[in-house]
Amino acid sequence: MSANRAGFSSYFLSFPGGGSRLELMTLPTLTERLPQPTVGYAHIAVTVGSGADVEALTAKMREAGVRIVSEPRQTGDGYFESVIEDPDGNQVELTAEP
């Protein structure tokens, strides 16, 4: 478990065979902004390769008319990522190899 900012914490699960990881995150203050507590996932993240790959895929998505929620950037928890929105409005992180 790691705490990166006030109240935010995450835990990574690694799977046999390498390559796949699952990050479980919590931000208890998020529910303070919502009318009622919610459950479920906030977003999904897909590792696409290098930082250059994140930038290239984000540009390709933009050209295709995909909504870019967050431009490619280095995050506070050490990842290089961008965030797009899928056709159903779900957020998808495009991340570089850690």
C-alpha atoms as a PDB file:
ATOM      1  CA  MET A   1       0.000   0.000   0.000  1.00  0.00           C
ATOM      2  CA  SER A   2       1.332   3.445  -0.857  1.00  0.00           C
ATOM      3  CA  ALA A   3      -0.039   6.860   0.038  1.00  0.00           C
ATOM      4  CA  ASN A   4       0.803   9.532  -2.523  1.00  0.00           C
ATOM      5  CA  ARG A   5      -1.375  12.453  -1.472  1.00  0.00           C
ATOM      6  CA  ALA A   6      -3.683  13.175   1.410  1.00  0.00           C
ATOM      7  CA  GLY A   7      -6.178  10.330   1.634  1.00  0.00           C
ATOM      8  CA  PHE A   8      -5.190   8.646  -1.634  1.00  0.00           C
ATOM      9  CA  SER A   9      -3.682   5.203  -1.402  1.00  0.00           C
ATOM     10  CA  SER A  10      -3.113   2.380  -3.840  1.00  0.00           C
ATOM     11  CA  TYR A  11      -2.026  -1.229  -3.841  1.00  0.00           C
ATOM     12  CA  PHE A  12      -0.628  -3.162  -6.801  1.00  0.00           C
ATOM     13  CA  LEU A  13      -1.285  -6.850  -7.401  1.00  0.00           C
ATOM     14  CA  SER A  14       1.098  -8.657  -9.756  1.00  0.00           C
ATOM     15  CA  PHE A  15       0.166 -11.865 -11.531  1.00  0.00           C
ATOM     16  CA  PRO A  16       2.313 -14.906 -12.381  1.00  0.00           C
ATOM     17  CA  GLY A  17       3.991 -14.697 -15.766  1.00  0.00           C
ATOM     18  CA  GLY A  18       4.699 -10.995 -15.489  1.00  0.00           C
ATOM     19  CA  GLY A  19       3.322  -8.104 -17.448  1.00  0.00           C
ATOM     20  CA  SER A  20      -0.113  -7.817 -15.864  1.00  0.00           C
ATOM     21  CA  ARG A  21      -0.813  -5.818 -12.721  1.00  0.00           C
ATOM     22  CA  LEU A  22      -3.962  -4.598 -11.044  1.00  0.00           C
ATOM     23  CA  GLU A  23      -3.969  -1.353  -9.065  1.00  0.00           C
ATOM     24  CA  LEU A  24      -6.582  -0.996  -6.339  1.00  0.00           C
ATOM     25  CA  MET A  25      -7.031   2.620  -5.305  1.00  0.00           C
ATOM     26  CA  THR A  26      -9.033   4.486  -2.729  1.00  0.00           C
ATOM     27  CA  LEU A  27      -9.736   8.144  -2.192  1.00  0.00           C
ATOM     28  CA  PRO A  28     -12.171   8.383   0.726  1.00  0.00           C
ATOM     29  CA  THR A  29     -12.769  12.105   0.204  1.00  0.00           C
ATOM     30  CA  LEU A  30     -14.232  11.407  -3.233  1.00  0.00           C
ATOM     31  CA  THR A  31     -17.533  10.331  -1.685  1.00  0.00           C
ATOM     32  CA  GLU A  32     -17.746  13.673   0.116  1.00  0.00           C
ATOM     33  CA  ARG A  33     -18.328  15.296  -3.283  1.00  0.00           C
ATOM     34  CA  LEU A  34     -21.011  12.845  -4.356  1.00  0.00           C
ATOM     35  CA  PRO A  35     -24.623  12.808  -3.154  1.00  0.00           C
ATOM     36  CA  GLN A  36     -24.227   9.196  -1.998  1.00  0.00           C
ATOM     37  CA  PRO A  37     -21.451   6.620  -1.680  1.00  0.00           C
ATOM     38  CA  THR A  38     -20.782   4.736  -4.894  1.00  0.00           C
ATOM     39  CA  VAL A  39     -19.091   1.464  -5.703  1.00  0.00           C
ATOM     40  CA  GLY A  40     -17.406   0.197  -8.829  1.00  0.00           C
ATOM     41  CA  TYR A  41     -14.384   1.113 -10.824  1.00  0.00           C
ATOM     42  CA  ALA A  42     -13.213   4.626 -11.611  1.00  0.00           C
ATOM     43  CA  HIS A  43     -11.254   3.795 -14.764  1.00  0.00           C
ATOM     44  CA  ILE A  44      -9.170   1.178 -16.512  1.00  0.00           C
ATOM     45  CA  ALA A  45      -5.504   1.577 -17.440  1.00  0.00           C
ATOM     46  CA  VAL A  46      -3.711  -0.025 -20.367  1.00  0.00           C
ATOM     47  CA  THR A  47       0.063  -0.065 -20.728  1.00  0.00           C
ATOM     48  CA  VAL A  48       0.876   0.751 -24.344  1.00  0.00           C
ATOM     49  CA  GLY A  49       4.692   0.824 -24.220  1.00  0.00           C
ATOM     50  CA  SER A  50       6.946   3.850 -23.872  1.00  0.00           C
ATOM     51  CA  GLY A  51       6.172   7.498 -23.200  1.00  0.00           C
ATOM     52  CA  ALA A  52       6.527   8.131 -26.931  1.00  0.00           C
ATOM     53  CA  ASP A  53       3.915   5.413 -27.539  1.00  0.00           C
ATOM     54  CA  VAL A  54       1.521   7.121 -25.102  1.00  0.00           C
ATOM     55  CA  GLU A  55       1.996  10.435 -26.935  1.00  0.00           C
ATOM     56  CA  ALA A  56       1.560   8.852 -30.393  1.00  0.00           C
ATOM     57  CA  LEU A  57      -1.558   6.890 -29.436  1.00  0.00           C
ATOM     58  CA  THR A  58      -3.087   9.938 -27.740  1.00  0.00           C
ATOM     59  CA  ALA A  59      -2.504  11.974 -30.913  1.00  0.00           C
ATOM     60  CA  LYS A  60      -4.039   9.192 -33.022  1.00  0.00           C
ATOM     61  CA  MET A  61      -7.072   9.062 -30.718  1.00  0.00           C
ATOM     62  CA  ARG A  62      -7.477  12.857 -30.924  1.00  0.00           C
ATOM     63  CA  GLU A  63      -7.392  12.707 -34.755  1.00  0.00           C
ATOM     64  CA  ALA A  64     -10.087  10.027 -34.632  1.00  0.00           C
ATOM     65  CA  GLY A  65     -12.327  12.314 -32.567  1.00  0.00           C
ATOM     66  CA  VAL A  66     -11.835  10.613 -29.220  1.00  0.00           C
ATOM     67  CA  ARG A  67     -12.231  12.957 -26.235  1.00  0.00           C
ATOM     68  CA  ILE A  68      -8.889  13.531 -24.478  1.00  0.00           C
ATOM     69  CA  VAL A  69      -9.533  13.955 -20.751  1.00  0.00           C
ATOM     70  CA  SER A  70      -5.873  14.455 -19.776  1.00  0.00           C
ATOM     71  CA  GLU A  71      -2.926  15.137 -22.073  1.00  0.00           C
ATOM     72  CA  PRO A  72       0.216  12.975 -21.794  1.00  0.00           C
ATOM     73  CA  ARG A  73       2.048  13.868 -18.587  1.00  0.00           C
ATOM     74  CA  GLN A  74       4.151  12.551 -15.737  1.00  0.00           C
ATOM     75  CA  THR A  75       1.890  11.880 -12.760  1.00  0.00           C
ATOM     76  CA  GLY A  76       2.606  12.363  -9.090  1.00  0.00           C
ATOM     77  CA  ASP A  77       2.821   8.609  -8.574  1.00  0.00           C
ATOM     78  CA  GLY A  78       5.580   8.260 -11.171  1.00  0.00           C
ATOM     79  CA  TYR A  79       3.651   7.156 -14.246  1.00  0.00           C
ATOM     80  CA  PHE A  80       3.625   8.736 -17.694  1.00  0.00           C
ATOM     81  CA  GLU A  81       0.069   8.649 -18.946  1.00  0.00           C
ATOM     82  CA  SER A  82      -2.813  10.265 -20.739  1.00  0.00           C
ATOM     83  CA  VAL A  83      -6.510   9.703 -20.174  1.00  0.00           C
ATOM     84  CA  ILE A  84      -9.106   9.281 -22.908  1.00  0.00           C
ATOM     85  CA  GLU A  85     -12.828   8.660 -22.831  1.00  0.00           C
ATOM     86  CA  ASP A  86     -14.339   5.593 -24.477  1.00  0.00           C
ATOM     87  CA  PRO A  87     -17.645   5.815 -26.416  1.00  0.00           C
ATOM     88  CA  ASP A  88     -19.601   5.060 -23.218  1.00  0.00           C
ATOM     89  CA  GLY A  89     -17.906   7.850 -21.252  1.00  0.00           C
ATOM     90  CA  ASN A  90     -15.570   5.584 -19.271  1.00  0.00           C
ATOM     91  CA  GLN A  91     -12.077   6.890 -18.627  1.00  0.00           C
ATOM     92  CA  VAL A  92      -9.162   4.857 -19.983  1.00  0.00           C
ATOM     93  CA  GLU A  93      -5.563   5.599 -18.951  1.00  0.00           C
ATOM     94  CA  LEU A  94      -2.900   4.997 -21.576  1.00  0.00           C
ATOM     95  CA  THR A  95       0.273   4.376 -19.601  1.00  0.00           C
ATOM     96  CA  ALA A  96       3.951   3.822 -20.308  1.00  0.00           C
ATOM     97  CA  GLU A  97       5.902   0.854 -18.952  1.00  0.00           C
ATOM     98  CA  PRO A  98       6.860   1.667 -15.345  1.00  0.00           C
END
